[in-house]
Protein backbone atom coordinates (compact mmCIF):
# COMPACT_ATOMS: atom_id res chain seq x y z
CA MET A 1 -0.37 6.36 23.09
CA MET A 2 2.10 4.28 25.09
CA ARG A 3 5.88 4.15 25.29
CA MET A 4 7.58 0.76 25.63
CA SER A 5 11.18 0.48 26.77
CA ALA A 6 13.47 -2.05 28.38
CA ALA A 7 16.32 -1.69 30.84
CA LYS A 8 19.52 -0.77 29.04
CA SER A 9 22.92 0.74 29.60
CA PRO A 10 22.89 4.54 29.41
CA SER A 11 25.60 4.33 26.75
CA VAL A 12 23.43 2.23 24.43
CA SER A 13 21.24 4.22 22.04
CA ARG A 14 18.45 2.38 20.25
CA PRO A 15 16.47 3.63 17.27
CA ARG A 16 13.17 5.24 18.22
CA ILE A 17 10.38 3.52 16.32
CA ALA A 18 6.72 4.50 16.28
CA LEU A 19 4.43 1.48 16.04
CA VAL A 20 0.99 2.25 14.58
CA ALA A 21 -1.60 -0.53 14.87
CA THR A 22 -4.66 -0.62 12.61
CA GLY A 23 -6.11 -4.10 13.25
CA GLY A 24 -6.24 -6.91 10.70
CA THR A 25 -5.48 -10.62 10.98
CA ILE A 26 -2.32 -9.98 12.98
CA ALA A 27 -4.69 -8.74 15.70
CA GLY A 28 -7.27 -11.44 15.04
CA ILE A 29 -8.60 -14.35 17.09
CA SER A 30 -9.65 -17.75 15.75
CA ALA A 31 -13.36 -18.48 16.02
CA GLY A 32 -14.56 -21.81 14.68
CA PRO A 33 -13.64 -22.41 11.03
CA GLY A 34 -12.84 -18.72 10.58
CA TYR A 35 -11.60 -15.89 12.77
CA ARG A 36 -12.38 -12.37 13.90
CA ALA A 37 -9.94 -9.73 12.71
CA ALA A 38 -8.98 -6.65 14.73
CA VAL A 39 -9.50 -7.90 18.29
CA ILE A 40 -6.10 -7.73 20.00
CA ASP A 41 -4.79 -4.31 21.00
CA VAL A 42 -1.24 -3.14 20.43
CA PRO A 43 0.16 -3.90 23.94
CA ASP A 44 -0.71 -7.57 23.42
CA LEU A 45 0.86 -7.57 19.95
CA ILE A 46 4.07 -6.33 21.55
CA ALA A 47 3.89 -8.85 24.39
CA ALA A 48 3.60 -11.70 21.87
CA ALA A 49 6.90 -10.72 20.23
CA PRO A 50 9.61 -10.92 22.92
CA GLY A 51 12.75 -9.03 22.04
CA LEU A 52 11.14 -6.03 20.39
CA GLN A 53 12.42 -3.69 23.09
CA LEU A 54 15.97 -4.89 22.42
CA LEU A 55 15.67 -3.73 18.80
CA ALA A 56 14.24 -0.29 19.39
CA GLU A 57 12.65 2.12 21.78
CA LEU A 58 9.00 1.68 20.86
CA ARG A 59 6.23 4.25 20.91
CA ALA A 60 3.00 2.38 20.24
CA GLU A 61 -0.50 3.57 19.43
CA GLN A 62 -3.77 2.04 18.31
CA LEU A 63 -4.79 4.32 15.46
CA MET A 64 -7.60 2.02 14.29
CA GLN A 65 -8.96 -1.42 15.07
CA ILE A 66 -10.51 -2.61 11.80
CA ASP A 67 -10.50 -5.38 9.24
CA SER A 68 -8.42 -3.96 6.39
CA ALA A 69 -11.32 -4.65 4.02
CA ASP A 70 -12.98 -1.69 5.80
CA PHE A 71 -10.26 0.77 4.77
CA THR A 72 -11.81 3.67 2.89
CA ASP A 73 -10.04 6.55 1.20
CA GLU A 74 -10.87 8.67 4.27
CA ARG A 75 -9.21 6.15 6.59
CA LEU A 76 -6.28 5.87 4.22
CA LEU A 77 -5.78 9.63 4.42
CA GLN A 78 -6.04 9.43 8.20
CA LEU A 79 -3.30 6.80 8.30
CA ALA A 80 -1.05 8.71 5.90
CA ARG A 81 -1.43 11.96 7.83
CA ARG A 82 -0.54 10.23 11.08
CA VAL A 83 2.50 8.53 9.57
CA ALA A 84 3.62 11.84 8.05
CA ALA A 85 3.23 13.58 11.40
CA LEU A 86 5.29 10.90 13.17
CA CYS A 87 8.01 11.02 10.52
CA ALA A 88 8.22 14.78 10.99
CA GLN A 89 9.11 14.37 14.68
CA ASP A 90 12.77 14.57 15.62
CA ASP A 91 12.34 11.86 18.24
CA VAL A 92 11.04 9.28 15.72
CA ASP A 93 13.56 7.40 13.54
CA GLY A 94 11.08 5.21 11.68
CA VAL A 95 7.49 3.99 11.61
CA VAL A 96 6.04 0.47 11.60
CA ILE A 97 2.38 -0.14 10.73
CA THR A 98 0.52 -3.36 11.49
CA HIS A 99 -2.21 -3.81 8.91
CA GLY A 100 -4.61 -6.40 7.53
CA THR A 101 -3.24 -8.08 4.43
CA ASP A 102 -6.31 -7.62 2.21
CA THR A 103 -5.55 -3.97 1.48
CA LEU A 104 -2.03 -3.72 2.88
CA GLU A 105 -0.57 -3.26 -0.61
CA GLU A 106 -2.87 -0.30 -1.29
CA SER A 107 -2.03 1.48 1.97
CA ALA A 108 1.68 0.83 1.44
CA TRP A 109 1.53 2.28 -2.09
CA PHE A 110 -0.33 5.37 -0.90
CA LEU A 111 2.21 6.01 1.87
CA HIS A 112 5.01 5.43 -0.65
CA LEU A 113 3.59 8.20 -2.83
CA SER A 114 2.39 10.73 -0.28
CA VAL A 115 4.49 10.80 2.91
CA PRO A 116 7.32 13.34 2.42
CA SER A 117 10.03 11.66 4.49
CA ARG A 118 13.15 9.57 3.98
CA LYS A 119 12.64 7.78 7.29
CA PRO A 120 11.79 4.08 7.07
CA ILE A 121 8.07 3.29 6.77
CA VAL A 122 7.44 -0.44 7.15
CA LEU A 123 4.12 -2.27 6.90
CA THR A 124 3.52 -5.81 8.08
CA GLY A 125 0.65 -8.12 8.94
CA ALA A 126 -0.13 -11.79 9.28
CA MET A 127 -1.86 -14.59 7.42
CA ARG A 128 -2.82 -16.42 10.62
CA PRO A 129 -4.65 -14.92 13.61
CA ALA A 130 -2.76 -14.39 16.83
CA ASN A 131 -3.97 -17.54 18.62
CA ALA A 132 -3.63 -19.91 15.64
CA PRO A 133 -0.99 -22.67 15.65
CA GLY A 134 2.10 -21.31 13.96
CA ALA A 135 0.90 -17.70 14.08
CA ASP A 136 3.19 -15.62 11.86
CA GLY A 137 2.39 -12.21 13.32
CA PRO A 138 5.07 -12.07 16.05
CA ALA A 139 7.92 -12.97 13.68
CA ASN A 140 6.65 -10.50 11.08
CA LEU A 141 6.44 -7.74 13.69
CA LEU A 142 9.99 -8.45 14.88
CA ASP A 143 11.21 -8.28 11.28
CA ALA A 144 9.33 -5.04 10.65
CA VAL A 145 10.84 -3.31 13.68
CA ALA A 146 14.32 -4.62 12.85
CA LEU A 147 13.91 -3.31 9.30
CA ALA A 148 12.65 0.11 10.37
CA ALA A 149 15.46 0.38 12.94
CA HIS A 150 18.25 -0.39 10.48
CA PRO A 151 20.06 2.63 8.99
CA SER A 152 20.20 1.05 5.52
CA SER A 153 16.39 1.25 5.28
CA HIS A 154 16.43 5.05 5.02
CA GLY A 155 15.43 6.54 1.69
CA ARG A 156 13.88 3.37 0.27
CA GLY A 157 10.26 4.50 0.49
CA ALA A 158 7.50 2.48 2.10
CA LEU A 159 8.41 -1.17 2.57
CA VAL A 160 6.39 -4.34 3.10
CA VAL A 161 7.85 -7.24 5.07
CA LEU A 162 6.22 -10.62 5.59
CA GLY A 163 7.81 -14.03 5.89
CA GLY A 164 11.27 -12.50 5.97
CA GLN A 165 10.92 -11.02 2.47
CA ILE A 166 11.23 -7.26 1.92
CA TYR A 167 9.13 -5.73 -0.86
CA SER A 168 8.87 -2.23 -2.20
CA ALA A 169 5.41 -0.73 -1.79
CA ARG A 170 5.55 0.08 -5.49
CA ASP A 171 5.07 -3.52 -6.55
CA ALA A 172 4.09 -5.59 -3.51
CA THR A 173 0.95 -7.61 -4.24
CA LYS A 174 -1.05 -10.18 -2.33
CA VAL A 175 -1.19 -13.26 -4.54
CA HIS A 176 -2.73 -15.93 -2.29
CA ALA A 177 -5.61 -15.98 0.15
CA THR A 178 -4.17 -18.27 2.82
CA ARG A 179 -0.51 -19.18 2.33
CA LEU A 180 2.14 -17.65 4.58
CA ASP A 181 4.06 -16.56 1.46
CA ALA A 182 1.03 -14.64 0.26
CA PHE A 183 2.93 -11.62 -1.10
CA ALA A 184 5.05 -11.31 -4.19
CA ALA A 185 6.35 -8.70 -6.62
CA PRO A 186 6.74 -8.96 -10.40
CA HIS A 187 10.40 -7.95 -10.18
CA GLY A 188 11.11 -9.87 -6.98
CA PRO A 189 11.72 -8.69 -3.42
CA LEU A 190 14.13 -5.88 -2.62
CA GLY A 191 15.86 -8.13 -0.14
CA LEU A 192 15.36 -10.26 2.94
CA LEU A 193 15.90 -10.28 6.69
CA ALA A 194 18.79 -12.46 7.84
CA ALA A 195 19.98 -12.63 11.44
CA GLY A 196 17.81 -9.62 12.25
CA ALA A 197 19.25 -7.34 9.57
CA PRO A 198 18.23 -6.54 6.00
CA ARG A 199 20.20 -7.77 3.00
CA TRP A 200 19.41 -5.77 -0.13
CA TYR A 201 19.52 -7.11 -3.68
CA ARG A 202 17.81 -4.41 -5.76
CA ALA A 203 16.66 -0.81 -5.45
CA VAL A 204 13.60 1.23 -6.42
CA THR A 205 14.32 3.57 -9.33
CA HIS A 206 11.00 5.46 -9.43
CA PRO A 207 10.46 8.55 -7.21
CA HIS A 208 8.70 8.18 -3.88
CA THR A 209 8.18 9.74 -0.43
CA ALA A 210 10.47 12.77 -0.10
CA ASP A 211 10.98 12.90 -3.89
CA SER A 212 7.30 12.52 -4.74
CA GLN A 213 5.25 15.43 -6.06
CA PHE A 214 2.42 14.39 -3.74
CA ASP A 215 2.22 15.39 -0.09
CA VAL A 216 -0.61 14.12 2.09
CA ASN A 217 -0.38 17.29 4.18
CA ARG A 218 -1.66 19.24 1.17
CA ILE A 219 -4.52 16.89 0.27
CA ALA A 220 -7.87 17.59 1.91
CA ALA A 221 -9.71 14.72 0.19
CA LEU A 222 -9.23 12.26 -2.64
CA PRO A 223 -11.47 12.43 -5.70
CA LEU A 224 -13.58 9.32 -6.16
CA ALA A 225 -11.92 6.73 -8.38
CA GLY A 226 -13.46 3.39 -9.31
CA LEU A 227 -12.30 0.12 -10.83
CA VAL A 228 -14.03 -2.31 -13.20
CA SER A 229 -12.48 -5.73 -13.89
CA SER A 230 -12.83 -7.31 -17.32
CA HIS A 231 -14.66 -10.57 -18.02
CA GLY A 232 -16.51 -12.13 -20.90
CA ASN A 233 -19.85 -10.53 -21.77
CA MET A 234 -19.10 -7.21 -20.11
CA ARG A 235 -21.64 -4.42 -19.86
CA PRO A 236 -21.30 -0.62 -19.91
CA GLU A 237 -23.52 -0.15 -16.85
CA PRO A 238 -20.77 -0.54 -14.20
CA TYR A 239 -18.75 2.25 -15.83
CA ARG A 240 -21.80 4.49 -16.06
CA ALA A 241 -22.69 3.69 -12.45
CA TRP A 242 -19.26 4.84 -11.26
CA ALA A 243 -19.64 8.03 -13.26
CA GLY A 244 -23.14 8.53 -11.86
CA ALA A 245 -21.74 8.15 -8.35
CA GLY A 246 -19.37 11.03 -9.05
CA ALA A 247 -16.20 9.14 -9.98
CA ARG A 248 -13.59 11.34 -11.61
CA ALA A 249 -11.53 8.33 -12.68
CA ILE A 250 -12.33 4.74 -13.63
CA VAL A 251 -9.65 2.08 -13.97
CA HIS A 252 -10.43 -0.45 -16.69
CA ALA A 253 -8.70 -3.66 -15.55
CA GLY A 254 -8.53 -5.13 -19.03
CA PHE A 255 -7.67 -8.49 -20.46
CA GLY A 256 -4.01 -8.99 -21.37
CA ALA A 257 -2.30 -5.66 -21.96
CA GLY A 258 -5.36 -3.58 -21.08
CA THR A 259 -7.58 -4.74 -23.95
CA VAL A 260 -10.90 -2.93 -24.34
CA PRO A 261 -13.70 -4.96 -25.98
CA GLY A 262 -14.97 -3.28 -29.10
CA TYR A 263 -18.49 -2.97 -27.71
CA LEU A 264 -17.17 -0.84 -24.80
CA VAL A 265 -15.09 1.64 -26.78
CA ARG A 266 -17.93 4.11 -27.28
CA THR A 267 -18.82 4.01 -23.57
CA LEU A 268 -15.27 4.78 -22.49
CA ARG A 269 -14.90 7.58 -25.03
CA ASP A 270 -18.21 9.13 -23.96
CA LEU A 271 -17.19 9.06 -20.30
CA SER A 272 -13.81 10.57 -21.13
CA ARG A 273 -15.51 13.43 -23.01
CA ARG A 274 -17.62 14.04 -19.91
CA GLY A 275 -14.45 14.56 -17.86
CA VAL A 276 -14.01 11.08 -16.37
CA LEU A 277 -10.41 9.89 -16.56
CA ILE A 278 -10.18 6.38 -18.04
CA VAL A 279 -7.09 4.41 -17.02
CA ARG A 280 -6.25 1.19 -18.87
CA ALA A 281 -4.55 -1.38 -16.65
CA SER A 282 -4.12 -5.15 -16.89
CA ARG A 283 -5.87 -7.65 -14.69
CA ALA A 284 -3.14 -10.16 -15.64
CA GLY A 285 -0.03 -8.13 -14.87
CA GLY A 286 2.63 -6.82 -17.22
CA VAL A 287 2.91 -3.50 -19.01
CA VAL A 288 0.09 -1.56 -20.64
CA ILE A 289 1.56 0.68 -23.35
CA ARG A 290 -0.09 3.87 -24.52
CA ASN A 291 -1.80 3.60 -27.92
CA ALA A 292 -0.87 -0.08 -28.23
CA GLN A 293 -3.93 -2.11 -29.33
CA PHE A 294 -6.11 0.82 -28.31
CA ASP A 295 -6.21 4.46 -29.36
CA ASP A 296 -5.66 6.22 -26.04
CA GLY A 297 -5.13 9.49 -27.84
CA ALA A 298 -8.59 9.40 -29.41
CA CYS A 299 -10.22 8.23 -26.19
CA GLY A 300 -8.35 10.61 -23.89
CA SER A 301 -7.37 7.65 -21.73
CA VAL A 302 -4.17 6.89 -19.83
CA ALA A 303 -2.09 3.71 -19.98
CA ALA A 304 -1.18 2.43 -16.52
CA GLY A 305 2.21 0.99 -17.46
CA ASP A 306 3.08 -1.80 -15.05
CA HIS A 307 0.86 -0.55 -12.24
CA PRO A 308 -1.73 -3.13 -11.17
CA PRO A 309 -5.35 -1.93 -11.18
CA THR A 310 -5.52 -1.25 -7.42
CA HIS A 311 -2.35 0.84 -7.55
CA ALA A 312 -3.56 2.62 -10.68
CA ARG A 313 -6.76 3.66 -8.90
CA LEU A 314 -4.87 5.40 -6.11
CA LEU A 315 -2.33 6.99 -8.43
CA ALA A 316 -5.17 8.35 -10.57
CA ALA A 317 -6.87 9.84 -7.52
CA LEU A 318 -3.64 11.50 -6.40
CA ALA A 319 -2.85 12.79 -9.89
CA LEU A 320 -6.31 14.34 -10.20
CA THR A 321 -5.64 16.46 -7.11
CA GLN A 322 -3.09 18.33 -9.24
CA THR A 323 -4.19 18.20 -12.88
CA GLN A 324 -6.88 17.10 -15.31
CA ASP A 325 -4.69 17.42 -18.40
CA ALA A 326 -4.44 14.07 -20.19
CA GLU A 327 -0.77 14.48 -21.15
CA GLN A 328 0.22 15.46 -17.63
CA LEU A 329 -1.77 12.58 -16.19
CA GLN A 330 0.00 10.15 -18.51
CA ALA A 331 3.33 11.64 -17.45
CA VAL A 332 2.48 10.90 -13.81
CA PHE A 333 1.86 7.24 -14.60
CA ASP A 334 5.08 7.04 -16.60
CA ARG A 335 7.10 8.68 -13.83
CA TYR A 336 5.89 6.66 -10.86
């Protein structure tokens, strides 16, 4: 761990921000037509973003150095526990996490649900590696620290900031593989960064962080949860394979509003009777309503609401740490 600070007047008090680096493209280096993620360590990330020390007193650490595609549930728990521990410290006012964009939305959502703190938790990354022309990492990191340092960010749950846009972790989604504006949200951003300060335009109404029923400090491990995406000519084998691997939940990323092909209904009902939670989500976006176009009551399945499949998988895993009752599980999806 390292502490970064700049010369300042003794009368000036800056927010104390913990910077947790995990790798990703923001720490990547171009190599031929592609690039290598997770190469640059956190001191160099800070050096590439002049002015950070004017925004906050930084405490930086390299928790991991991985491509975010390599995030597992175990690593996700490790990250969440570390963020929770930092938020619990009196000398930390907020936390910033640098993260690869491939699974950034999943980590942000998990922190949003499981870290019991009202302190700002901000995730950022980059779409271009650090040595690429027009690298976006330094500007994103400056925005993330400015956001975490601002008093108006308290109590808003985990936040995602890229390209000056501020998203709630509840609905931030990566929607493009290469563009700088790769993230979006179905209900729009919460706000934006202007002149180094956030401007807010909407708020999150669902419970999170300090108001969540989940606390990472009380979770030893996550039950295995899988995901199967719909396509024409589907087969039951992927669902059975997840169950055979020990999955306690399977998210069915269905067509439209969570449609289940008729030839898969028996498979899903059989798995549900064997104790595997089936969650109907939509691969297209929108709201999946319980018992609409599918008999969730007869199947014992849960409707994901507006949660995308990746979010539904993590929420199912968290919910199963507390209950296996179908009605209570549905209530969790409706609440969050």
